[in-house]
Protein backbone atom coordinates (compact mmCIF):
# COMPACT_ATOMS: atom_id res chain seq x y z
CA MET A 1 23.39 15.36 -31.29
CA ILE A 2 20.32 16.90 -29.65
CA ASN A 3 17.03 16.46 -31.42
CA PRO A 4 15.60 20.03 -31.73
CA LYS A 5 12.04 18.72 -31.81
CA ALA A 6 12.56 16.70 -28.62
CA ALA A 7 14.17 19.69 -26.90
CA THR A 8 11.29 21.97 -27.86
CA THR A 9 8.77 19.41 -26.60
CA THR A 10 10.64 19.10 -23.32
CA ASN A 11 10.95 22.87 -22.88
CA THR A 12 7.25 23.46 -23.42
CA TYR A 13 6.09 20.54 -21.28
CA PRO A 14 3.30 20.31 -20.36
CA ASP A 15 1.30 21.88 -23.18
CA ARG A 16 -1.75 19.62 -22.94
CA PRO A 17 -3.70 17.75 -20.21
CA ILE A 18 -2.01 14.96 -18.25
CA THR A 19 -3.82 11.63 -17.91
CA ILE A 20 -3.57 9.88 -14.54
CA ILE A 21 -4.58 6.22 -14.61
CA VAL A 22 -6.22 4.68 -11.53
CA PRO A 23 -5.98 0.87 -11.39
CA PHE A 24 -9.17 0.38 -9.35
CA SER A 25 -12.78 1.55 -9.40
CA ALA A 26 -13.95 5.00 -8.37
CA GLY A 27 -14.33 5.58 -4.64
CA GLY A 28 -11.36 3.59 -3.35
CA SER A 29 -8.25 5.01 -1.68
CA LEU A 30 -6.17 5.18 -4.87
CA ASP A 31 -9.01 6.88 -6.74
CA LEU A 32 -9.48 9.43 -3.94
CA ILE A 33 -5.77 10.31 -4.10
CA ALA A 34 -5.97 10.83 -7.87
CA ARG A 35 -9.01 13.12 -7.56
CA ALA A 36 -7.33 15.11 -4.81
CA LEU A 37 -4.30 15.61 -7.08
CA GLU A 38 -6.58 16.67 -9.92
CA LYS A 39 -8.05 19.61 -7.97
CA THR A 40 -4.99 21.88 -8.11
CA ALA A 41 -3.12 20.38 -11.08
CA VAL A 42 -3.63 23.48 -13.24
CA GLN A 43 -2.22 25.72 -10.53
CA HIS A 44 0.95 23.69 -9.98
CA LEU A 45 1.53 21.94 -13.33
CA GLY A 46 -0.01 24.43 -15.72
CA GLN A 47 -2.36 21.85 -17.22
CA PRO A 48 -5.40 19.91 -15.96
CA MET A 49 -5.28 16.24 -15.00
CA ILE A 50 -7.74 13.77 -16.44
CA VAL A 51 -8.52 10.86 -14.09
CA VAL A 52 -9.15 7.58 -15.92
CA ASN A 53 -10.25 4.51 -13.94
CA LYS A 54 -9.08 1.20 -15.46
CA PRO A 55 -9.98 -1.53 -12.97
CA GLY A 56 -9.32 -5.18 -13.69
CA ALA A 57 -6.91 -8.03 -12.97
CA ALA A 58 -6.15 -6.70 -9.47
CA GLY A 59 -4.57 -3.54 -10.89
CA THR A 60 -2.35 -5.14 -13.52
CA LEU A 61 -4.57 -4.05 -16.41
CA ALA A 62 -3.85 -0.38 -15.64
CA TRP A 63 -0.19 -0.85 -14.70
CA ASN A 64 0.50 -2.86 -17.87
CA GLU A 65 -0.98 -0.03 -19.91
CA LEU A 66 1.04 2.55 -17.99
CA THR A 67 4.26 0.59 -18.51
CA GLY A 68 3.68 0.39 -22.26
CA THR A 69 2.83 4.08 -22.65
CA THR A 70 5.18 6.56 -24.36
CA PRO A 71 7.34 8.08 -21.56
CA ASP A 72 6.55 11.69 -22.46
CA GLY A 73 5.03 12.74 -19.13
CA TYR A 74 1.47 12.91 -20.42
CA THR A 75 0.39 9.61 -18.88
CA ILE A 76 1.11 8.82 -15.24
CA GLY A 77 -0.53 6.43 -12.80
CA ILE A 78 -1.46 5.84 -9.19
CA THR A 79 0.45 2.97 -7.59
CA GLY A 80 0.06 0.86 -4.46
CA VAL A 81 2.18 -1.85 -2.84
CA GLU A 82 0.60 -4.36 -5.23
CA ILE A 83 3.10 -3.27 -7.91
CA ILE A 84 5.71 -5.07 -5.78
CA LEU A 85 3.61 -8.15 -5.01
CA HIS A 86 2.15 -9.01 -8.42
CA PRO A 87 5.51 -9.51 -10.20
CA LEU A 88 6.78 -11.63 -7.29
CA TYR A 89 3.79 -13.94 -7.76
CA GLY A 90 4.19 -14.01 -11.54
CA LEU A 91 0.78 -12.38 -11.95
CA SER A 92 1.89 -9.47 -14.14
CA LYS A 93 3.22 -8.96 -17.63
CA TYR A 94 5.98 -6.62 -16.40
CA ASN A 95 8.24 -6.28 -13.39
CA TYR A 96 6.78 -2.94 -12.29
CA PRO A 97 9.57 -1.87 -9.89
CA THR A 98 11.99 -1.83 -12.84
CA SER A 99 9.59 -0.87 -15.65
CA LEU A 100 8.01 2.11 -13.87
CA GLU A 101 9.53 5.35 -12.60
CA PRO A 102 8.52 6.51 -9.08
CA LEU A 103 7.61 10.21 -8.90
CA VAL A 104 6.20 10.79 -5.40
CA GLN A 105 4.84 8.86 -2.47
CA VAL A 106 1.70 10.46 -1.11
CA SER A 107 0.66 8.31 1.82
CA SER A 108 1.94 5.42 3.91
CA SER A 109 -0.45 3.77 6.34
CA PRO A 110 0.56 0.97 8.70
CA PHE A 111 -1.47 -2.14 9.39
CA ILE A 112 -2.86 -2.89 12.82
CA MET A 113 -3.28 -6.25 14.54
CA VAL A 114 -6.60 -6.54 16.35
CA VAL A 115 -8.47 -9.15 18.40
CA GLN A 116 -11.92 -9.27 19.95
CA ALA A 117 -12.06 -7.22 23.14
CA ASN A 118 -13.66 -10.13 25.03
CA GLN A 119 -10.57 -12.30 24.48
CA PRO A 120 -8.07 -12.59 27.38
CA TRP A 121 -5.09 -11.25 25.41
CA GLN A 122 -4.15 -7.78 26.63
CA ASN A 123 -0.95 -7.54 24.59
CA VAL A 124 1.15 -9.32 21.98
CA ASP A 125 3.03 -11.38 24.59
CA ASP A 126 -0.26 -12.80 25.90
CA LEU A 127 -1.25 -13.85 22.39
CA VAL A 128 2.14 -15.41 21.65
CA LYS A 129 2.13 -17.33 24.95
CA ASP A 130 -1.32 -18.75 24.20
CA ALA A 131 -0.30 -19.64 20.64
CA ARG A 132 2.73 -21.55 21.92
CA GLN A 133 0.56 -23.50 24.31
CA HIS A 134 -1.87 -24.36 21.49
CA PRO A 135 0.23 -24.75 18.28
CA GLY A 136 -1.68 -24.20 15.04
CA GLN A 137 -4.96 -23.33 16.75
CA LEU A 138 -4.68 -19.56 16.51
CA LYS A 139 -6.67 -18.48 13.43
CA PHE A 140 -5.58 -15.32 11.60
CA GLY A 141 -8.08 -14.03 9.06
CA ASN A 142 -6.75 -12.38 5.90
CA SER A 143 -8.03 -10.92 2.64
CA GLY A 144 -6.79 -13.79 0.46
CA VAL A 145 -3.82 -16.09 -0.03
CA GLY A 146 -0.75 -13.96 -0.67
CA SER A 147 -2.44 -10.71 0.41
CA LEU A 148 -0.51 -8.27 2.58
CA PRO A 149 -2.48 -9.22 5.75
CA HIS A 150 -1.58 -12.86 5.00
CA LEU A 151 2.10 -11.97 4.61
CA LEU A 152 2.07 -9.94 7.81
CA SER A 153 0.58 -12.82 9.81
CA GLU A 154 3.35 -15.07 8.47
CA MET A 155 5.97 -12.44 9.39
CA PHE A 156 4.44 -12.37 12.87
CA ALA A 157 4.61 -16.16 13.16
CA GLN A 158 8.25 -16.15 12.02
CA SER A 159 9.33 -13.38 14.36
CA THR A 160 7.69 -14.97 17.41
CA GLY A 161 8.33 -18.63 16.64
CA ILE A 162 4.66 -19.63 16.72
CA THR A 163 2.49 -21.69 14.39
CA LEU A 164 -0.79 -20.14 13.32
CA GLN A 165 -3.59 -21.03 10.95
CA PRO A 166 -4.16 -18.50 8.14
CA VAL A 167 -7.81 -18.25 7.02
CA PRO A 168 -8.34 -16.52 3.66
CA PHE A 169 -11.44 -14.48 2.78
CA GLN A 170 -12.56 -12.53 -0.29
CA GLY A 171 -11.46 -9.19 1.18
CA GLY A 172 -10.70 -7.13 4.27
CA SER A 173 -14.35 -6.55 5.18
CA GLU A 174 -15.05 -10.30 5.12
CA SER A 175 -12.12 -11.07 7.43
CA LEU A 176 -13.30 -8.32 9.81
CA LYS A 177 -16.82 -9.82 9.90
CA SER A 178 -15.30 -13.18 10.72
CA LEU A 179 -13.28 -11.68 13.57
CA LEU A 180 -16.34 -9.90 14.99
CA GLY A 181 -18.25 -13.19 14.75
CA GLY A 182 -15.53 -15.05 16.64
CA HIS A 183 -14.66 -17.37 13.73
CA VAL A 184 -11.03 -16.19 13.68
CA GLN A 185 -9.01 -14.85 16.60
CA ALA A 186 -7.00 -12.05 15.01
CA ILE A 187 -6.45 -10.07 11.81
CA PHE A 188 -4.07 -7.53 10.34
CA THR A 189 -6.03 -4.71 8.72
CA SER A 190 -6.09 -0.98 8.02
CA THR A 191 -6.68 1.42 10.89
CA SER A 192 -9.60 3.11 9.11
CA ILE A 193 -11.61 -0.14 8.97
CA VAL A 194 -11.39 -0.84 12.72
CA LYS A 195 -11.33 2.66 14.20
CA GLU A 196 -15.00 2.73 15.24
CA HIS A 197 -14.79 -0.80 16.65
CA LEU A 198 -11.88 0.25 18.85
CA LYS A 199 -13.75 3.34 19.99
CA ASN A 200 -16.86 1.38 20.95
CA GLY A 201 -14.84 -1.36 22.65
CA THR A 202 -15.70 -4.38 20.50
CA LEU A 203 -12.09 -4.84 19.34
CA ARG A 204 -8.69 -4.45 20.99
CA ALA A 205 -5.55 -3.37 19.12
CA LEU A 206 -2.33 -5.12 20.09
CA ALA A 207 0.29 -3.53 17.80
CA VAL A 208 0.85 -1.53 14.60
CA THR A 209 3.35 -2.21 11.81
CA GLY A 210 4.60 1.37 11.43
CA GLU A 211 7.99 2.82 12.31
CA GLN A 212 6.33 4.98 14.96
CA ARG A 213 3.11 5.05 16.94
CA LEU A 214 0.14 6.72 15.33
CA ALA A 215 -0.74 10.28 16.35
CA ASP A 216 -4.51 9.67 16.26
CA PRO A 217 -5.73 9.54 19.90
CA VAL A 218 -7.65 6.33 19.16
CA PHE A 219 -4.38 4.53 18.34
CA ALA A 220 -1.85 6.57 20.34
CA ASN A 221 -1.45 3.91 23.05
CA VAL A 222 -0.98 1.05 20.60
CA PRO A 223 2.71 0.05 20.49
CA THR A 224 4.64 -0.68 17.32
CA PHE A 225 5.95 -4.18 16.75
CA LYS A 226 9.37 -2.58 16.51
CA GLU A 227 9.26 -1.28 20.07
CA LEU A 228 8.11 -4.73 21.20
CA GLY A 229 11.26 -6.20 19.69
CA LYS A 230 9.52 -7.80 16.69
CA ASP A 231 10.96 -7.22 13.21
CA ILE A 232 7.67 -6.28 11.54
CA VAL A 233 7.73 -2.84 9.91
CA PHE A 234 5.52 -2.45 6.87
CA SER A 235 2.94 0.02 5.55
CA TYR A 236 0.55 0.24 2.64
CA TRP A 237 1.75 3.12 0.50
CA ILE A 238 0.16 5.03 -2.35
CA GLY A 239 2.12 7.07 -4.85
CA VAL A 240 2.46 8.21 -8.43
CA ALA A 241 4.63 6.61 -11.10
CA ALA A 242 5.35 6.98 -14.82
CA PRO A 243 6.83 4.82 -17.59
CA LYS A 244 10.61 4.42 -17.59
CA GLU A 245 12.96 6.56 -19.70
CA MET A 246 11.13 9.84 -19.34
CA PRO A 247 13.32 12.87 -20.22
CA LEU A 248 14.96 14.15 -17.02
CA GLU A 249 13.51 17.66 -17.42
CA VAL A 250 9.99 16.25 -17.77
CA LYS A 251 10.46 14.00 -14.73
CA GLU A 252 11.68 16.95 -12.65
CA LYS A 253 8.76 19.17 -13.71
CA LEU A 254 6.29 16.41 -12.89
CA ALA A 255 7.88 15.53 -9.55
CA ASN A 256 8.12 19.19 -8.50
CA GLY A 257 4.55 19.93 -9.59
CA LEU A 258 3.22 16.89 -7.71
CA LYS A 259 5.24 17.89 -4.64
CA ALA A 260 3.63 21.35 -4.73
CA ILE A 261 0.15 19.84 -5.07
CA ILE A 262 0.53 17.53 -2.08
CA ALA A 263 2.13 20.28 0.01
CA GLU A 264 -1.25 22.05 -0.03
CA PRO A 265 -2.86 21.81 3.47
CA GLU A 266 -6.22 21.06 1.84
CA PHE A 267 -4.72 18.08 -0.01
CA GLN A 268 -3.19 16.66 3.17
CA LYS A 269 -6.45 17.16 5.05
CA ASN A 270 -8.28 15.34 2.26
CA VAL A 271 -5.88 12.38 2.52
CA GLU A 272 -6.23 12.13 6.29
CA ASN A 273 -10.03 12.53 6.19
CA ASN A 274 -10.10 9.38 4.08
CA GLY A 275 -8.35 7.36 6.78
CA LEU A 276 -4.87 7.52 5.22
CA GLN A 277 -1.60 8.71 6.73
CA PHE A 278 0.03 11.49 4.73
CA GLU A 279 3.73 10.87 4.04
CA TYR A 280 5.64 12.48 1.17
CA LEU A 281 8.70 10.89 -0.39
CA ASN A 282 10.63 12.29 -3.37
CA PRO A 283 11.53 10.11 -6.40
CA LYS A 284 14.84 8.88 -4.94
CA GLU A 285 13.36 8.11 -1.51
CA PHE A 286 10.36 6.39 -3.09
CA GLN A 287 12.63 4.28 -5.32
CA GLU A 288 14.62 3.17 -2.28
CA LYS A 289 11.37 2.17 -0.56
CA TRP A 290 10.34 0.10 -3.58
CA LEU A 291 13.64 -1.77 -3.40
CA ARG A 292 13.40 -2.35 0.38
CA ASP A 293 9.83 -3.59 0.19
CA ASN A 294 10.65 -5.80 -2.78
CA GLU A 295 13.42 -7.44 -0.75
CA THR A 296 11.23 -7.86 2.35
CA LEU A 297 8.25 -9.32 0.51
CA SER A 298 10.35 -11.55 -1.73
CA LYS A 299 12.07 -13.05 1.33
CA THR A 300 8.78 -13.58 3.17
CA ILE A 301 6.89 -15.30 0.36
CA LYS A 302 9.78 -17.68 -0.28
CA GLU A 303 10.53 -18.57 3.35
CA THR A 304 6.88 -19.10 4.31
CA GLY A 305 5.89 -21.19 1.31
CA ILE A 306 3.33 -18.64 0.12
CA LEU A 307 4.95 -18.47 -3.32
CA GLU A 308 4.46 -22.21 -3.78
CA ARG A 309 0.80 -21.92 -2.75
CA ILE A 310 0.26 -19.15 -5.31
CA LYS A 311 1.89 -21.28 -8.02
CA GLU A 312 -0.38 -24.21 -7.11
CA GLN A 313 -3.45 -21.99 -7.38
CA LYS A 314 -2.41 -20.89 -10.88
CA LYS A 315 -2.18 -24.48 -12.16
């Protein structure tokens, strides 16, 4: 039997502002996406969005709150790839891929592997050859044990049969400083962080982790690992999710409204001006990506021993 009150609520949705939770501080990529969505929310959803920043515990504070919220469509949240990683490491209260509902993917930006321009390696094969001649001496900086750059360096080692030395730092900017100072030989990082260094010739890019080459002229000549025959395809994505068990009509209204917002040329320009790659996925496509990435990352952290290192750190 249909609950008349529930039906009325669904039919009139939304009839009040929608809160969008951001798991990190103001000014970061996820926050910028939320504020770009906020600009035309009234036009495409009929109600304003209220951006609420809830940083803490590497994003889990916000995502735990989102998971436990009533699934009525009035509280949604910005998500990043961390919602896959944290449950795998046992760092979260919930398994976010199954406790949250994907609505849209907004951006998907590949990582890029870079070395100092004064090093002799002109391409990935040069680096691999050198690493084989000097096992364990190649130092890859990363933004912390178990971080995505760390995982990517381990994927690279696996796919090429080399042994490298991962060197953890407090964040991406610290690992970049170490590379520029010659303390590590290579890093995986975001394209936006190294763009100016590539333009001025202090760094050299060897490959990107995307499905295709980047359109930006600065990166257009950088090959993908895929075209080099290496099974390394991974990007940092940002999207929007909601608590599970939302009424289907509410989910459809939200997903369609968000799709209309991000179809705006101004929104896409805003995303790209902030160094991100615009890439829309609908709820079904985004869900499939969550599952694929969960499988890839789960396999990597187990096979490389990273999971055991994380467990040791927690003790």
